[in-house]
Amino acid sequence: MAGCGFTLLRAYEITGVPAFLERAPQVAVALLGMADDRDDRLVWPIPTDFSSTLAGLFHYGFAHGVAGMPCATGGCSPRTRS
């Protein structure tokens, strides 16, 4: 989902189409709602009901883990003022 947020922001930067920018805060809110506090650290686990051996795990990487989420959510604020 973080990739969706990045894509919306980048699409707005390239095209100037307001609809891309208007949708980005919804993605940020959804991402923040998916966060889990583990030992005073935010992580974004793969849902436990996801049909995969990876269910319940979380990653630290940028594409699927905690590194990319703050960038995607933080990227909304300066552009959308939200």
PDB file of N, CA and C in Angstrom:
ATOM      1  N   MET A   1       0.811  -1.181   0.000  1.00  0.00           N
ATOM      2  CA  MET A   1       0.000   0.000   0.000  1.00  0.00           C
ATOM      3  C   MET A   1       0.866   1.261   0.000  1.00  0.00           C
ATOM      4  N   ALA A   2       2.043   1.181   0.629  1.00  0.00           N
ATOM      5  CA  ALA A   2       2.935   2.336   0.624  1.00  0.00           C
ATOM      6  C   ALA A   2       3.307   2.714  -0.807  1.00  0.00           C
ATOM      7  N   GLY A   3       3.493   1.704  -1.638  1.00  0.00           N
ATOM      8  CA  GLY A   3       3.805   1.970  -3.044  1.00  0.00           C
ATOM      9  C   GLY A   3       2.690   2.713  -3.743  1.00  0.00           C
ATOM     10  N   CYS A   4       1.469   2.424  -3.372  1.00  0.00           N
ATOM     11  CA  CYS A   4       0.322   3.141  -3.938  1.00  0.00           C
ATOM     12  C   CYS A   4       0.392   4.617  -3.555  1.00  0.00           C
ATOM     13  N   GLY A   5       0.720   4.883  -2.290  1.00  0.00           N
ATOM     14  CA  GLY A   5       0.840   6.263  -1.843  1.00  0.00           C
ATOM     15  C   GLY A   5       1.926   7.011  -2.591  1.00  0.00           C
ATOM     16  N   PHE A   6       3.098   6.368  -2.726  1.00  0.00           N
ATOM     17  CA  PHE A   6       4.185   6.980  -3.490  1.00  0.00           C
ATOM     18  C   PHE A   6       3.764   7.250  -4.932  1.00  0.00           C
ATOM     19  N   THR A   7       3.087   6.288  -5.529  1.00  0.00           N
ATOM     20  CA  THR A   7       2.668   6.431  -6.917  1.00  0.00           C
ATOM     21  C   THR A   7       1.694   7.592  -7.081  1.00  0.00           C
ATOM     22  N   LEU A   8       0.746   7.716  -6.164  1.00  0.00           N
ATOM     23  CA  LEU A   8      -0.205   8.827  -6.229  1.00  0.00           C
ATOM     24  C   LEU A   8       0.509  10.177  -6.133  1.00  0.00           C
ATOM     25  N   LEU A   9       1.452  10.281  -5.195  1.00  0.00           N
ATOM     26  CA  LEU A   9       2.178  11.541  -5.032  1.00  0.00           C
ATOM     27  C   LEU A   9       3.039  11.856  -6.249  1.00  0.00           C
ATOM     28  N   ARG A  10       3.693  10.844  -6.767  1.00  0.00           N
ATOM     29  CA  ARG A  10       4.534  11.052  -7.959  1.00  0.00           C
ATOM     30  C   ARG A  10       3.678  11.398  -9.173  1.00  0.00           C
ATOM     31  N   ALA A  11       2.535  10.731  -9.319  1.00  0.00           N
ATOM     32  CA  ALA A  11       1.642  11.035 -10.439  1.00  0.00           C
ATOM     33  C   ALA A  11       1.166  12.482 -10.370  1.00  0.00           C
ATOM     34  N   TYR A  12       0.885  12.954  -9.164  1.00  0.00           N
ATOM     35  CA  TYR A  12       0.484  14.352  -9.009  1.00  0.00           C
ATOM     36  C   TYR A  12       1.629  15.288  -9.403  1.00  0.00           C
ATOM     37  N   GLU A  13       2.844  14.974  -8.942  1.00  0.00           N
ATOM     38  CA  GLU A  13       3.993  15.821  -9.270  1.00  0.00           C
ATOM     39  C   GLU A  13       4.218  15.913 -10.775  1.00  0.00           C
ATOM     40  N   ILE A  14       4.000  14.809 -11.476  1.00  0.00           N
ATOM     41  CA  ILE A  14       4.234  14.777 -12.921  1.00  0.00           C
ATOM     42  C   ILE A  14       3.098  15.424 -13.704  1.00  0.00           C
ATOM     43  N   THR A  15       1.858  15.132 -13.297  1.00  0.00           N
ATOM     44  CA  THR A  15       0.707  15.573 -14.093  1.00  0.00           C
ATOM     45  C   THR A  15       0.015  16.820 -13.559  1.00  0.00           C
ATOM     46  N   GLY A  16       0.102  17.051 -12.256  1.00  0.00           N
ATOM     47  CA  GLY A  16      -0.629  18.165 -11.657  1.00  0.00           C
ATOM     48  C   GLY A  16      -2.122  17.893 -11.502  1.00  0.00           C
ATOM     49  N   VAL A  17      -2.555  16.658 -11.744  1.00  0.00           N
ATOM     50  CA  VAL A  17      -3.968  16.300 -11.632  1.00  0.00           C
ATOM     51  C   VAL A  17      -4.335  16.209 -10.145  1.00  0.00           C
ATOM     52  N   PRO A  18      -5.240  17.060  -9.667  1.00  0.00           N
ATOM     53  CA  PRO A  18      -5.568  17.107  -8.240  1.00  0.00           C
ATOM     54  C   PRO A  18      -6.102  15.792  -7.676  1.00  0.00           C
ATOM     55  N   ALA A  19      -6.757  14.987  -8.469  1.00  0.00           N
ATOM     56  CA  ALA A  19      -7.337  13.729  -7.963  1.00  0.00           C
ATOM     57  C   ALA A  19      -6.267  12.822  -7.354  1.00  0.00           C
ATOM     58  N   PHE A  20      -5.057  12.830  -7.924  1.00  0.00           N
ATOM     59  CA  PHE A  20      -3.976  12.011  -7.366  1.00  0.00           C
ATOM     60  C   PHE A  20      -3.617  12.489  -5.963  1.00  0.00           C
ATOM     61  N   LEU A  21      -3.502  13.782  -5.805  1.00  0.00           N
ATOM     62  CA  LEU A  21      -3.131  14.353  -4.509  1.00  0.00           C
ATOM     63  C   LEU A  21      -4.247  14.186  -3.486  1.00  0.00           C
ATOM     64  N   GLU A  22      -5.481  14.278  -3.927  1.00  0.00           N
ATOM     65  CA  GLU A  22      -6.626  14.153  -3.014  1.00  0.00           C
ATOM     66  C   GLU A  22      -6.743  12.753  -2.435  1.00  0.00           C
ATOM     67  N   ARG A  23      -6.300  11.764  -3.161  1.00  0.00           N
ATOM     68  CA  ARG A  23      -6.410  10.364  -2.711  1.00  0.00           C
ATOM     69  C   ARG A  23      -5.280   9.960  -1.755  1.00  0.00           C
ATOM     70  N   ALA A  24      -4.136  10.610  -1.846  1.00  0.00           N
ATOM     71  CA  ALA A  24      -2.961  10.221  -1.071  1.00  0.00           C
ATOM     72  C   ALA A  24      -3.194  10.198   0.443  1.00  0.00           C
ATOM     73  N   PRO A  25      -3.866  11.169   1.051  1.00  0.00           N
ATOM     74  CA  PRO A  25      -4.081  11.097   2.501  1.00  0.00           C
ATOM     75  C   PRO A  25      -4.898   9.876   2.936  1.00  0.00           C
ATOM     76  N   GLN A  26      -5.780   9.394   2.082  1.00  0.00           N
ATOM     77  CA  GLN A  26      -6.556   8.197   2.422  1.00  0.00           C
ATOM     78  C   GLN A  26      -5.633   6.991   2.537  1.00  0.00           C
ATOM     79  N   VAL A  27      -4.654   6.925   1.670  1.00  0.00           N
ATOM     80  CA  VAL A  27      -3.677   5.834   1.737  1.00  0.00           C
ATOM     81  C   VAL A  27      -2.854   5.954   3.018  1.00  0.00           C
ATOM     82  N   ALA A  28      -2.436   7.174   3.345  1.00  0.00           N
ATOM     83  CA  ALA A  28      -1.641   7.387   4.563  1.00  0.00           C
ATOM     84  C   ALA A  28      -2.420   6.977   5.806  1.00  0.00           C
ATOM     85  N   VAL A  29      -3.670   7.347   5.878  1.00  0.00           N
ATOM     86  CA  VAL A  29      -4.502   6.986   7.030  1.00  0.00           C
ATOM     87  C   VAL A  29      -4.651   5.463   7.116  1.00  0.00           C
ATOM     88  N   ALA A  30      -4.856   4.827   5.978  1.00  0.00           N
ATOM     89  CA  ALA A  30      -4.982   3.368   5.967  1.00  0.00           C
ATOM     90  C   ALA A  30      -3.684   2.714   6.443  1.00  0.00           C
ATOM     91  N   LEU A  31      -2.545   3.227   5.983  1.00  0.00           N
ATOM     92  CA  LEU A  31      -1.263   2.675   6.412  1.00  0.00           C
ATOM     93  C   LEU A  31      -1.062   2.826   7.916  1.00  0.00           C
ATOM     94  N   LEU A  32      -1.393   3.979   8.435  1.00  0.00           N
ATOM     95  CA  LEU A  32      -1.236   4.197   9.875  1.00  0.00           C
ATOM     96  C   LEU A  32      -2.161   3.280  10.667  1.00  0.00           C
ATOM     97  N   GLY A  33      -3.334   3.003  10.120  1.00  0.00           N
ATOM     98  CA  GLY A  33      -4.271   2.092  10.775  1.00  0.00           C
ATOM     99  C   GLY A  33      -3.801   0.650  10.778  1.00  0.00           C
ATOM    100  N   MET A  34      -2.899   0.313   9.868  1.00  0.00           N
ATOM    101  CA  MET A  34      -2.380  -1.052   9.778  1.00  0.00           C
ATOM    102  C   MET A  34      -1.159  -1.267  10.664  1.00  0.00           C
ATOM    103  N   ALA A  35      -0.633  -0.205  11.246  1.00  0.00           N
ATOM    104  CA  ALA A  35       0.573  -0.307  12.069  1.00  0.00           C
ATOM    105  C   ALA A  35       0.273  -1.054  13.365  1.00  0.00           C
ATOM    106  N   ASP A  36       1.286  -1.708  13.873  1.00  0.00           N
ATOM    107  CA  ASP A  36       1.188  -2.444  15.125  1.00  0.00           C
ATOM    108  C   ASP A  36       2.351  -2.007  16.016  1.00  0.00           C
ATOM    109  N   ASP A  37       2.070  -1.725  17.273  1.00  0.00           N
ATOM    110  CA  ASP A  37       3.101  -1.306  18.217  1.00  0.00           C
ATOM    111  C   ASP A  37       3.660  -2.541  18.909  1.00  0.00           C
ATOM    112  N   ARG A  38       4.907  -2.850  18.633  1.00  0.00           N
ATOM    113  CA  ARG A  38       5.575  -3.993  19.260  1.00  0.00           C
ATOM    114  C   ARG A  38       6.833  -3.502  19.957  1.00  0.00           C
ATOM    115  N   ASP A  39       6.823  -3.599  21.251  1.00  0.00           N
ATOM    116  CA  ASP A  39       7.979  -3.170  22.045  1.00  0.00           C
ATOM    117  C   ASP A  39       8.349  -1.720  21.746  1.00  0.00           C
ATOM    118  N   ASP A  40       7.345  -0.852  21.719  1.00  0.00           N
ATOM    119  CA  ASP A  40       7.528   0.582  21.459  1.00  0.00           C
ATOM    120  C   ASP A  40       8.092   0.881  20.075  1.00  0.00           C
ATOM    121  N   ARG A  41       7.868  -0.001  19.128  1.00  0.00           N
ATOM    122  CA  ARG A  41       8.287   0.212  17.745  1.00  0.00           C
ATOM    123  C   ARG A  41       7.115  -0.070  16.826  1.00  0.00           C
ATOM    124  N   LEU A  42       6.924   0.795  15.845  1.00  0.00           N
ATOM    125  CA  LEU A  42       5.868   0.549  14.874  1.00  0.00           C
ATOM    126  C   LEU A  42       6.351  -0.429  13.820  1.00  0.00           C
ATOM    127  N   VAL A  43       5.530  -1.420  13.545  1.00  0.00           N
ATOM    128  CA  VAL A  43       5.796  -2.384  12.480  1.00  0.00           C
ATOM    129  C   VAL A  43       4.506  -2.569  11.689  1.00  0.00           C
ATOM    130  N   TRP A  44       4.652  -3.054  10.483  1.00  0.00           N
ATOM    131  CA  TRP A  44       3.494  -3.326   9.637  1.00  0.00           C
ATOM    132  C   TRP A  44       3.512  -4.806   9.295  1.00  0.00           C
ATOM    133  N   PRO A  45       2.878  -5.628  10.137  1.00  0.00           N
ATOM    134  CA  PRO A  45       2.907  -7.075   9.900  1.00  0.00           C
ATOM    135  C   PRO A  45       1.992  -7.481   8.747  1.00  0.00           C
ATOM    136  N   ILE A  46       2.338  -8.599   8.153  1.00  0.00           N
ATOM    137  CA  ILE A  46       1.449  -9.214   7.179  1.00  0.00           C
ATOM    138  C   ILE A  46       0.267  -9.752   7.984  1.00  0.00           C
ATOM    139  N   PRO A  47      -0.968  -9.467   7.575  1.00  0.00           N
ATOM    140  CA  PRO A  47      -2.124  -9.908   8.362  1.00  0.00           C
ATOM    141  C   PRO A  47      -2.071 -11.400   8.688  1.00  0.00           C
ATOM    142  N   THR A  48      -2.464 -11.730   9.900  1.00  0.00           N
ATOM    143  CA  THR A  48      -2.403 -13.130  10.340  1.00  0.00           C
ATOM    144  C   THR A  48      -3.369 -14.025   9.574  1.00  0.00           C
ATOM    145  N   ASP A  49      -4.415 -13.435   9.007  1.00  0.00           N
ATOM    146  CA  ASP A  49      -5.368 -14.242   8.239  1.00  0.00           C
ATOM    147  C   ASP A  49      -5.011 -14.319   6.757  1.00  0.00           C
ATOM    148  N   PHE A  50      -3.858 -13.787   6.385  1.00  0.00           N
ATOM    149  CA  PHE A  50      -3.395 -13.846   5.002  1.00  0.00           C
ATOM    150  C   PHE A  50      -2.962 -15.277   4.699  1.00  0.00           C
ATOM    151  N   SER A  51      -3.397 -15.833   3.598  1.00  0.00           N
ATOM    152  CA  SER A  51      -3.115 -17.219   3.255  1.00  0.00           C
ATOM    153  C   SER A  51      -1.680 -17.354   2.730  1.00  0.00           C
ATOM    154  N   SER A  52      -0.752 -17.388   3.664  1.00  0.00           N
ATOM    155  CA  SER A  52       0.659 -17.480   3.312  1.00  0.00           C
ATOM    156  C   SER A  52       1.455 -17.926   4.534  1.00  0.00           C
ATOM    157  N   THR A  53       2.601 -18.533   4.286  1.00  0.00           N
ATOM    158  CA  THR A  53       3.484 -18.870   5.398  1.00  0.00           C
ATOM    159  C   THR A  53       4.105 -17.611   5.998  1.00  0.00           C
ATOM    160  N   LEU A  54       3.952 -16.477   5.332  1.00  0.00           N
ATOM    161  CA  LEU A  54       4.479 -15.208   5.829  1.00  0.00           C
ATOM    162  C   LEU A  54       3.487 -14.494   6.747  1.00  0.00           C
ATOM    163  N   ALA A  55       2.294 -15.036   6.894  1.00  0.00           N
ATOM    164  CA  ALA A  55       1.260 -14.393   7.725  1.00  0.00           C
ATOM    165  C   ALA A  55       1.788 -14.131   9.128  1.00  0.00           C
ATOM    166  N   GLY A  56       1.581 -12.899   9.586  1.00  0.00           N
ATOM    167  CA  GLY A  56       1.999 -12.506  10.922  1.00  0.00           C
ATOM    168  C   GLY A  56       3.418 -11.973  11.013  1.00  0.00           C
ATOM    169  N   LEU A  57       4.204 -12.154   9.966  1.00  0.00           N
ATOM    170  CA  LEU A  57       5.579 -11.667   9.972  1.00  0.00           C
ATOM    171  C   LEU A  57       5.628 -10.196   9.573  1.00  0.00           C
ATOM    172  N   PHE A  58       6.741  -9.547   9.859  1.00  0.00           N
ATOM    173  CA  PHE A  58       6.944  -8.185   9.384  1.00  0.00           C
ATOM    174  C   PHE A  58       8.379  -8.047   8.904  1.00  0.00           C
ATOM    175  N   HIS A  59       8.605  -7.056   8.061  1.00  0.00           N
ATOM    176  CA  HIS A  59       9.916  -6.852   7.451  1.00  0.00           C
ATOM    177  C   HIS A  59      10.418  -5.451   7.770  1.00  0.00           C
ATOM    178  N   TYR A  60      11.721  -5.278   7.747  1.00  0.00           N
ATOM    179  CA  TYR A  60      12.315  -3.968   7.971  1.00  0.00           C
ATOM    180  C   TYR A  60      12.678  -3.258   6.678  1.00  0.00           C
ATOM    181  N   GLY A  61      12.539  -3.916   5.562  1.00  0.00           N
ATOM    182  CA  GLY A  61      12.944  -3.338   4.283  1.00  0.00           C
ATOM    183  C   GLY A  61      12.050  -2.201   3.816  1.00  0.00           C
ATOM    184  N   PHE A  62      12.476  -1.557   2.753  1.00  0.00           N
ATOM    185  CA  PHE A  62      11.766  -0.388   2.252  1.00  0.00           C
ATOM    186  C   PHE A  62      10.491  -0.764   1.502  1.00  0.00           C
ATOM    187  N   ALA A  63      10.553  -1.793   0.671  1.00  0.00           N
ATOM    188  CA  ALA A  63       9.404  -2.129  -0.165  1.00  0.00           C
ATOM    189  C   ALA A  63       8.242  -2.729   0.623  1.00  0.00           C
ATOM    190  N   HIS A  64       8.542  -3.558   1.597  1.00  0.00           N
ATOM    191  CA  HIS A  64       7.480  -4.247   2.320  1.00  0.00           C
ATOM    192  C   HIS A  64       7.514  -4.007   3.819  1.00  0.00           C
ATOM    193  N   GLY A  65       8.385  -3.150   4.268  1.00  0.00           N
ATOM    194  CA  GLY A  65       8.551  -3.051   5.711  1.00  0.00           C
ATOM    195  C   GLY A  65       8.501  -1.655   6.274  1.00  0.00           C
ATOM    196  N   VAL A  66       9.018  -1.540   7.471  1.00  0.00           N
ATOM    197  CA  VAL A  66       8.891  -0.317   8.238  1.00  0.00           C
ATOM    198  C   VAL A  66       9.638   0.859   7.629  1.00  0.00           C
ATOM    199  N   ALA A  67      10.599   0.632   6.767  1.00  0.00           N
ATOM    200  CA  ALA A  67      11.329   1.747   6.158  1.00  0.00           C
ATOM    201  C   ALA A  67      10.461   2.526   5.176  1.00  0.00           C
ATOM    202  N   GLY A  68       9.637   1.848   4.410  1.00  0.00           N
ATOM    203  CA  GLY A  68       8.834   2.528   3.398  1.00  0.00           C
ATOM    204  C   GLY A  68       7.572   3.174   3.928  1.00  0.00           C
ATOM    205  N   MET A  69       7.014   2.646   4.991  1.00  0.00           N
ATOM    206  CA  MET A  69       5.742   3.165   5.494  1.00  0.00           C
ATOM    207  C   MET A  69       5.825   4.620   5.961  1.00  0.00           C
ATOM    208  N   PRO A  70       6.800   4.971   6.808  1.00  0.00           N
ATOM    209  CA  PRO A  70       6.866   6.377   7.226  1.00  0.00           C
ATOM    210  C   PRO A  70       7.130   7.333   6.062  1.00  0.00           C
ATOM    211  N   CYS A  71       7.889   6.881   5.083  1.00  0.00           N
ATOM    212  CA  CYS A  71       8.138   7.737   3.925  1.00  0.00           C
ATOM    213  C   CYS A  71       6.853   7.991   3.154  1.00  0.00           C
ATOM    214  N   ALA A  72       6.043   6.959   3.004  1.00  0.00           N
ATOM    215  CA  ALA A  72       4.784   7.117   2.278  1.00  0.00           C
ATOM    216  C   ALA A  72       3.807   7.995   3.045  1.00  0.00           C
ATOM    217  N   THR A  73       3.692   7.775   4.344  1.00  0.00           N
ATOM    218  CA  THR A  73       2.749   8.573   5.128  1.00  0.00           C
ATOM    219  C   THR A  73       3.273   9.979   5.337  1.00  0.00           C
ATOM    220  N   GLY A  74       4.557  10.118   5.569  1.00  0.00           N
ATOM    221  CA  GLY A  74       5.148  11.445   5.750  1.00  0.00           C
ATOM    222  C   GLY A  74       5.168  12.250   4.471  1.00  0.00           C
ATOM    223  N   GLY A  75       5.168  11.583   3.344  1.00  0.00           N
ATOM    224  CA  GLY A  75       5.158  12.277   2.063  1.00  0.00           C
ATOM    225  C   GLY A  75       3.871  13.014   1.791  1.00  0.00           C
ATOM    226  N   CYS A  76       2.810  12.636   2.464  1.00  0.00           N
ATOM    227  CA  CYS A  76       1.522  13.295   2.253  1.00  0.00           C
ATOM    228  C   CYS A  76       1.480  14.680   2.875  1.00  0.00           C
ATOM    229  N   SER A  77       2.048  14.820   4.019  1.00  0.00           N
ATOM    230  CA  SER A  77       1.876  16.055   4.778  1.00  0.00           C
ATOM    231  C   SER A  77       2.311  17.314   4.045  1.00  0.00           C
ATOM    232  N   PRO A  78       3.545  17.381   3.509  1.00  0.00           N
ATOM    233  CA  PRO A  78       3.929  18.634   2.856  1.00  0.00           C
ATOM    234  C   PRO A  78       3.151  18.918   1.581  1.00  0.00           C
ATOM    235  N   ARG A  79       2.670  17.876   0.934  1.00  0.00           N
ATOM    236  CA  ARG A  79       1.974  18.075  -0.333  1.00  0.00           C
ATOM    237  C   ARG A  79       0.491  18.380  -0.144  1.00  0.00           C
ATOM    238  N   THR A  80      -0.109  17.777   0.858  1.00  0.00           N
ATOM    239  CA  THR A  80      -1.566  17.910   1.030  1.00  0.00           C
ATOM    240  C   THR A  80      -1.939  18.793   2.199  1.00  0.00           C
ATOM    241  N   ARG A  81      -0.958  19.139   3.011  1.00  0.00           N
ATOM    242  CA  ARG A  81      -1.183  19.931   4.219  1.00  0.00           C
ATOM    243  C   ARG A  81      -2.079  19.185   5.207  1.00  0.00           C
ATOM    244  N   SER A  82      -2.018  17.841   5.163  1.00  0.00           N
ATOM    245  CA  SER A  82      -2.825  17.035   6.098  1.00  0.00           C
ATOM    246  C   SER A  82      -1.961  16.069   6.854  1.00  0.00           C
TER     247      SER A  82
END
